[in-house]
Amino acid sequence: MSASERESQPRQQPQVRPRALTPPPLSMRDLLASCAAASAVSTPPREERRSEERETRRDAA
């Protein structure tokens, strides 16, 4: 291909990749708060045993 043929063809611009969307930085305080909230929501409540039930089970053993 001669120089005149190259000049007659439209130039192709280099492809620019779009930037990946990144979230804004988090502070350690926000990160720990979100972890604590997730843990509180996802952990089922504990069943509290009555002291009477504990004594009955000890006697049975």
N, C-alpha and C. Protein backbone atom coordinates (compact mmCIF):
# COMPACT_ATOMS: atom_id res chain seq x y z
N MET A 1 0.86 -1.16 0.00
CA MET A 1 0.00 0.00 0.00
C MET A 1 0.91 1.23 0.00
N SER A 2 0.67 2.13 -0.92
CA SER A 2 1.50 3.33 -1.02
C SER A 2 1.04 4.37 -0.01
N ALA A 3 1.86 5.39 0.16
CA ALA A 3 1.55 6.45 1.12
C ALA A 3 0.29 7.19 0.72
N SER A 4 0.07 7.40 -0.58
CA SER A 4 -1.13 8.12 -1.02
C SER A 4 -2.40 7.31 -0.75
N GLU A 5 -2.31 5.97 -0.85
CA GLU A 5 -3.47 5.12 -0.56
C GLU A 5 -3.80 5.17 0.94
N ARG A 6 -2.76 5.17 1.75
CA ARG A 6 -2.98 5.24 3.20
C ARG A 6 -3.62 6.56 3.61
N GLU A 7 -3.21 7.64 2.96
CA GLU A 7 -3.77 8.95 3.28
C GLU A 7 -5.22 9.07 2.86
N SER A 8 -5.60 8.37 1.80
CA SER A 8 -6.98 8.47 1.31
C SER A 8 -7.96 7.69 2.19
N GLN A 9 -7.46 6.70 2.91
CA GLN A 9 -8.33 5.92 3.78
C GLN A 9 -8.55 6.67 5.10
N PRO A 10 -9.79 6.59 5.63
CA PRO A 10 -10.03 7.27 6.91
C PRO A 10 -9.18 6.62 8.02
N ARG A 11 -8.69 7.47 8.86
CA ARG A 11 -7.86 6.96 9.97
C ARG A 11 -8.75 6.31 11.02
N GLN A 12 -8.26 5.23 11.53
CA GLN A 12 -8.97 4.57 12.62
C GLN A 12 -8.37 5.05 13.93
N GLN A 13 -9.24 5.53 14.77
CA GLN A 13 -8.76 5.99 16.07
C GLN A 13 -8.58 4.78 16.98
N PRO A 14 -7.57 4.82 17.83
CA PRO A 14 -7.38 3.69 18.74
C PRO A 14 -8.60 3.53 19.65
N GLN A 15 -8.92 2.28 19.90
CA GLN A 15 -10.08 2.01 20.76
C GLN A 15 -9.73 2.34 22.20
N VAL A 16 -10.60 3.10 22.80
CA VAL A 16 -10.42 3.49 24.19
C VAL A 16 -11.37 2.64 25.02
N ARG A 17 -10.82 1.91 25.95
CA ARG A 17 -11.65 1.08 26.81
C ARG A 17 -12.29 1.96 27.88
N PRO A 18 -13.58 1.76 28.13
CA PRO A 18 -14.21 2.56 29.19
C PRO A 18 -13.63 2.17 30.54
N ARG A 19 -13.52 3.14 31.40
CA ARG A 19 -13.01 2.87 32.74
C ARG A 19 -13.99 2.02 33.52
N ALA A 20 -13.47 1.14 34.29
CA ALA A 20 -14.32 0.33 35.16
C ALA A 20 -14.87 1.24 36.26
N LEU A 21 -16.13 1.06 36.54
CA LEU A 21 -16.75 1.86 37.60
C LEU A 21 -16.27 1.33 38.95
N THR A 22 -15.65 2.17 39.70
CA THR A 22 -15.16 1.78 41.02
C THR A 22 -15.90 2.59 42.07
N PRO A 23 -16.28 1.94 43.15
CA PRO A 23 -16.97 2.67 44.21
C PRO A 23 -16.01 3.61 44.92
N PRO A 24 -16.54 4.63 45.56
CA PRO A 24 -15.66 5.53 46.31
C PRO A 24 -15.03 4.78 47.48
N PRO A 25 -13.89 5.23 47.94
CA PRO A 25 -13.22 4.54 49.05
C PRO A 25 -14.05 4.59 50.34
N LEU A 26 -13.92 3.55 51.14
CA LEU A 26 -14.63 3.46 52.42
C LEU A 26 -13.65 3.66 53.56
N SER A 27 -14.12 4.30 54.61
CA SER A 27 -13.28 4.40 55.80
C SER A 27 -13.38 3.08 56.57
N MET A 28 -12.41 2.83 57.40
CA MET A 28 -12.42 1.60 58.20
C MET A 28 -13.63 1.59 59.12
N ARG A 29 -14.02 2.75 59.61
CA ARG A 29 -15.18 2.84 60.48
C ARG A 29 -16.45 2.39 59.76
N ASP A 30 -16.64 2.86 58.52
CA ASP A 30 -17.80 2.46 57.73
C ASP A 30 -17.77 0.98 57.40
N LEU A 31 -16.59 0.47 57.09
CA LEU A 31 -16.45 -0.95 56.77
C LEU A 31 -16.81 -1.83 57.96
N LEU A 32 -16.29 -1.49 59.13
CA LEU A 32 -16.59 -2.27 60.34
C LEU A 32 -18.06 -2.17 60.71
N ALA A 33 -18.66 -0.99 60.53
CA ALA A 33 -20.07 -0.82 60.84
C ALA A 33 -20.93 -1.68 59.91
N SER A 34 -20.56 -1.74 58.64
CA SER A 34 -21.35 -2.56 57.71
C SER A 34 -21.21 -4.04 58.02
N CYS A 35 -20.02 -4.47 58.44
CA CYS A 35 -19.82 -5.87 58.82
C CYS A 35 -20.64 -6.22 60.07
N ALA A 36 -20.66 -5.32 61.04
CA ALA A 36 -21.42 -5.56 62.26
C ALA A 36 -22.92 -5.62 61.96
N ALA A 37 -23.38 -4.75 61.07
CA ALA A 37 -24.80 -4.75 60.70
C ALA A 37 -25.17 -6.03 59.97
N ALA A 38 -24.31 -6.47 59.05
CA ALA A 38 -24.58 -7.70 58.30
C ALA A 38 -24.60 -8.90 59.24
N SER A 39 -23.70 -8.92 60.19
CA SER A 39 -23.66 -10.02 61.15
C SER A 39 -24.91 -10.04 62.03
N ALA A 40 -25.35 -8.87 62.45
CA ALA A 40 -26.53 -8.80 63.30
C ALA A 40 -27.79 -9.24 62.55
N VAL A 41 -27.85 -8.92 61.28
CA VAL A 41 -29.04 -9.26 60.49
C VAL A 41 -29.05 -10.74 60.13
N SER A 42 -27.88 -11.31 59.84
CA SER A 42 -27.83 -12.68 59.34
C SER A 42 -27.73 -13.74 60.43
N THR A 43 -27.48 -13.35 61.66
CA THR A 43 -27.35 -14.31 62.75
C THR A 43 -28.71 -14.49 63.44
N PRO A 44 -29.21 -15.73 63.52
CA PRO A 44 -30.48 -15.94 64.19
C PRO A 44 -30.36 -15.67 65.69
N PRO A 45 -31.45 -15.27 66.32
CA PRO A 45 -31.37 -14.99 67.76
C PRO A 45 -31.10 -16.27 68.55
N ARG A 46 -30.38 -16.10 69.64
CA ARG A 46 -30.07 -17.24 70.51
C ARG A 46 -31.29 -17.59 71.34
N GLU A 47 -31.42 -18.86 71.61
CA GLU A 47 -32.48 -19.28 72.52
C GLU A 47 -31.89 -19.24 73.93
N GLU A 48 -32.49 -18.44 74.77
CA GLU A 48 -31.99 -18.36 76.14
C GLU A 48 -32.64 -19.47 76.96
N ARG A 49 -31.81 -20.22 77.60
CA ARG A 49 -32.32 -21.31 78.44
C ARG A 49 -32.60 -20.78 79.82
N ARG A 50 -33.62 -21.28 80.38
CA ARG A 50 -33.94 -20.89 81.75
C ARG A 50 -33.05 -21.65 82.71
N SER A 51 -32.81 -21.07 83.84
CA SER A 51 -31.96 -21.74 84.84
C SER A 51 -32.58 -23.05 85.30
N GLU A 52 -33.93 -23.14 85.31
CA GLU A 52 -34.60 -24.38 85.71
C GLU A 52 -34.30 -25.50 84.73
N GLU A 53 -34.28 -25.18 83.44
CA GLU A 53 -34.02 -26.20 82.44
C GLU A 53 -32.60 -26.74 82.59
N ARG A 54 -31.66 -25.87 82.90
CA ARG A 54 -30.28 -26.29 83.07
C ARG A 54 -30.16 -27.26 84.26
N GLU A 55 -30.82 -26.93 85.34
CA GLU A 55 -30.76 -27.79 86.53
C GLU A 55 -31.40 -29.14 86.27
N THR A 56 -32.49 -29.17 85.53
CA THR A 56 -33.17 -30.42 85.23
C THR A 56 -32.29 -31.30 84.38
N ARG A 57 -31.60 -30.73 83.45
CA ARG A 57 -30.74 -31.52 82.58
C ARG A 57 -29.51 -32.04 83.35
N ARG A 58 -29.02 -31.28 84.30
CA ARG A 58 -27.88 -31.74 85.10
C ARG A 58 -28.30 -32.93 85.97
N ASP A 59 -29.51 -32.85 86.53
CA ASP A 59 -29.99 -33.95 87.37
C ASP A 59 -30.20 -35.21 86.55
N ALA A 60 -30.68 -35.07 85.33
CA ALA A 60 -30.94 -36.23 84.49
C ALA A 60 -29.65 -36.92 84.05
N ALA A 61 -28.60 -36.17 83.93
CA ALA A 61 -27.32 -36.75 83.48
C ALA A 61 -26.71 -37.49 84.62
